[in-house]
Protein backbone atom coordinates (compact mmCIF):
# COMPACT_ATOMS: atom_id res chain seq x y z
CA MET A 1 10.86 -0.01 12.33
CA PHE A 2 10.06 1.18 10.26
CA SER A 3 11.38 -0.91 7.14
CA LEU A 4 11.24 0.82 3.19
CA TYR A 5 10.83 -2.44 1.20
CA GLY A 6 9.36 -5.07 3.89
CA LYS A 7 6.03 -2.23 4.30
CA ILE A 8 5.85 -2.58 -0.20
CA PHE A 9 6.16 -5.92 -0.97
CA SER A 10 4.16 -6.82 2.07
CA ILE A 11 1.69 -4.74 -0.20
CA LEU A 12 1.54 -5.84 -2.94
CA ARG A 13 1.49 -9.65 -1.85
CA ALA A 14 -2.20 -8.58 -0.21
CA SER A 15 -1.96 -7.42 -4.54
CA PHE A 16 -5.46 -9.50 -4.70
CA ALA A 17 -6.57 -9.92 -0.64
CA PHE A 18 -9.95 -7.19 -0.64
CA SER A 19 -10.77 -8.53 3.36
CA GLY A 20 -9.06 -6.85 5.96
CA ARG A 21 -7.84 -3.95 7.14
CA THR A 22 -5.18 -0.76 6.50
CA ALA A 23 -4.58 1.60 8.08
CA ARG A 24 -4.79 5.18 6.84
CA LYS A 25 -0.96 6.04 7.35
CA GLU A 26 -0.25 2.53 5.20
CA PHE A 27 -2.71 3.35 2.36
CA TRP A 28 -1.29 6.77 2.31
CA PHE A 29 2.37 5.63 1.84
CA PHE A 30 1.21 3.30 -1.20
CA PHE A 31 0.15 6.22 -2.95
CA VAL A 32 3.15 7.83 -2.70
CA PHE A 33 4.50 5.30 -4.17
CA TYR A 34 2.00 4.25 -6.02
CA ALA A 35 2.37 8.21 -8.65
CA LEU A 36 6.44 8.29 -7.72
CA MET A 37 6.41 4.84 -9.76
CA TYR A 38 3.72 6.17 -12.43
CA PHE A 39 6.21 9.88 -13.14
CA ALA A 40 8.74 7.58 -13.43
CA ALA A 41 7.57 5.28 -15.40
CA LEU A 42 6.17 8.10 -18.09
CA GLY A 43 9.24 10.09 -17.61
CA ALA A 44 10.71 7.06 -18.61
CA ASP A 45 8.85 6.37 -21.51
CA VAL A 46 9.33 10.47 -22.71
CA THR A 47 12.72 9.38 -22.85
CA TYR A 48 13.38 6.28 -24.77
CA PHE A 49 9.55 6.83 -26.88
CA ARG A 50 9.22 10.19 -27.74
CA GLN A 51 13.25 11.69 -27.85
CA ALA A 52 14.21 9.57 -30.24
CA GLU A 53 13.63 6.36 -33.07
CA PRO A 54 13.31 3.13 -30.04
CA THR A 55 15.77 0.74 -30.95
CA GLY A 56 15.92 -3.32 -30.20
CA PHE A 57 14.53 -4.30 -27.20
CA LEU A 58 13.03 -1.05 -26.35
CA LEU A 59 11.10 -1.58 -30.02
CA ILE A 60 9.69 -4.94 -29.14
CA LEU A 61 8.14 -3.23 -25.58
CA GLN A 62 7.11 -0.30 -27.63
CA GLY A 63 5.00 -2.92 -30.74
CA LEU A 64 3.67 -4.64 -27.64
CA PHE A 65 1.77 -2.01 -26.73
CA GLY A 66 0.44 -0.73 -29.60
CA GLY A 67 3.21 2.46 -29.27
CA ARG A 68 0.95 3.47 -26.60
CA GLU A 69 3.78 4.44 -23.25
CA PRO A 70 5.14 1.03 -22.95
CA PHE A 71 6.02 1.70 -19.10
CA VAL A 72 2.98 3.64 -18.21
CA TRP A 73 1.39 0.15 -19.06
CA ILE A 74 3.62 -2.23 -17.20
CA HIS A 75 3.26 0.20 -13.83
CA PHE A 76 -0.98 -0.59 -14.75
CA LEU A 77 -0.49 -3.67 -15.21
CA LEU A 78 2.21 -4.43 -12.26
CA LEU A 79 0.99 -1.39 -9.66
CA THR A 80 -3.54 -1.01 -9.80
CA PRO A 81 -4.35 -4.81 -8.51
CA ALA A 82 -2.46 -3.77 -5.19
CA MET A 83 -3.55 0.14 -4.82
CA ALA A 84 -7.58 -1.24 -5.95
CA SER A 85 -6.54 -3.70 -2.99
CA ILE A 86 -5.49 -1.75 -0.49
CA THR A 87 -8.30 0.89 -1.34
CA VAL A 88 -11.05 -1.00 -0.65
CA ARG A 89 -9.11 -2.78 2.38
CA ARG A 90 -8.78 1.24 3.37
CA LEU A 91 -12.62 1.83 2.91
CA HIS A 92 -13.28 -1.13 5.07
CA ASP A 93 -11.18 0.26 7.77
CA ARG A 94 -13.96 3.47 7.72
CA GLY A 95 -16.75 0.55 7.56
CA HIS A 96 -17.28 1.04 4.08
CA THR A 97 -17.91 -1.35 1.42
CA GLY A 98 -15.23 -1.81 -1.10
CA TRP A 99 -17.57 -0.61 -3.83
CA TRP A 100 -17.10 2.06 -3.37
CA GLY A 101 -13.84 2.85 -5.60
CA LEU A 102 -16.07 2.68 -8.00
CA VAL A 103 -17.49 6.23 -7.14
CA TYR A 104 -13.77 7.34 -8.61
CA LEU A 105 -14.79 6.83 -11.47
CA ILE A 106 -17.55 9.71 -11.62
CA PRO A 107 -16.17 12.55 -13.54
CA LEU A 108 -15.10 15.54 -11.53
CA LEU A 109 -17.40 15.11 -8.39
CA GLY A 110 -15.69 10.96 -7.29
CA LEU A 111 -12.70 11.92 -6.19
CA VAL A 112 -13.86 14.33 -3.74
CA PRO A 113 -16.37 12.08 -1.90
CA LEU A 114 -13.24 8.98 -1.86
CA VAL A 115 -9.95 11.33 -0.59
CA ALA A 116 -12.46 11.86 2.32
CA MET A 117 -13.25 8.57 3.38
CA LEU A 118 -10.54 7.69 2.70
CA GLY A 119 -8.47 10.50 4.74
CA ARG A 120 -10.45 9.92 7.60
CA THR A 121 -9.58 7.67 10.83
CA SER A 122 -9.60 4.72 11.49
CA GLN A 123 -13.05 3.37 13.22
CA PRO A 124 -12.47 2.32 16.14
CA GLY A 125 -12.59 -1.66 17.64
CA PHE A 126 -14.71 -4.01 15.96
CA ASN A 127 -16.46 -2.96 12.63
CA ARG A 128 -17.70 -6.19 10.32
CA PHE A 129 -14.82 -6.15 8.29
CA GLY A 130 -12.21 -6.98 11.46
CA ALA A 131 -10.47 -5.58 14.29
CA ASN A 132 -8.86 -2.57 13.98
CA PRO A 133 -5.13 -2.39 11.93
CA LEU A 134 -3.54 -0.17 14.76
CA ALA A 135 -5.04 -2.06 17.70
CA LEU A 136 -3.26 -4.80 16.13
CA ALA A 137 -0.32 -3.30 15.43
CA ASN A 138 -0.40 -1.52 19.58
CA VAL A 139 -0.73 -5.17 20.86
CA ALA A 140 1.35 -6.56 18.66
CA LYS A 141 4.01 -3.55 19.91
CA ASN A 142 3.23 -4.15 23.84
CA ASP A 143 3.34 -7.86 23.68
CA ALA A 144 7.24 -7.64 21.74
CA VAL A 145 8.76 -5.07 24.45
CA SER A 146 6.44 -7.59 27.43
CA SER A 147 8.42 -10.58 25.95
CA GLU A 148 11.90 -9.16 25.98
CA PRO A 149 14.24 -10.68 28.10
CA ALA A 150 15.75 -8.72 30.88
CA PRO A 151 18.96 -7.72 30.81
CA ALA A 152 21.49 -9.61 32.50
CA GLU A 153 22.41 -7.43 35.97
CA ALA A 154 18.68 -7.82 36.52
CA GLN A 155 18.29 -11.53 35.50
CA SER A 156 20.98 -11.86 38.38
CA GLN A 157 19.86 -10.02 40.64
CA MET A 158 16.38 -12.12 40.12
CA ALA A 159 18.14 -15.36 40.63
CA PRO A 160 17.26 -17.08 43.75
CA ALA A 161 20.31 -17.03 46.06
CA GLU A 162 22.54 -20.28 46.58
């Protein structure tokens, strides 16, 4: 079962893990979460700092970030390491080195090849960065199914007669 909070926290726990591979579904899930949190932070900044003069804690927060969108900066500081690490692991899943993530920094043209690399399917089997995460998930799911105990009536039929 896909647990929303569990998936987000597992990705955030791996914020500084740049080794291994990440499946395409997990990457795009976190990308959408990252974008939604960015727009929420931007909306909070517009609401609290551009509509009226901030007071109290909000004034301290604005001063701390030099008068520039403090919620966007907090979002950047908290979620960007996780986004960078999951991008590197997704590139590893395609067989590319993580340095290809810097292609994004090329103005106007960098986004196209990066999205093309991130959107393709995983390399099957092992590559130099590890095992395919989908294959590992399928093995774990098959192990869980095969290790489930048989239903009670089936167990009673399998028990030797005394």
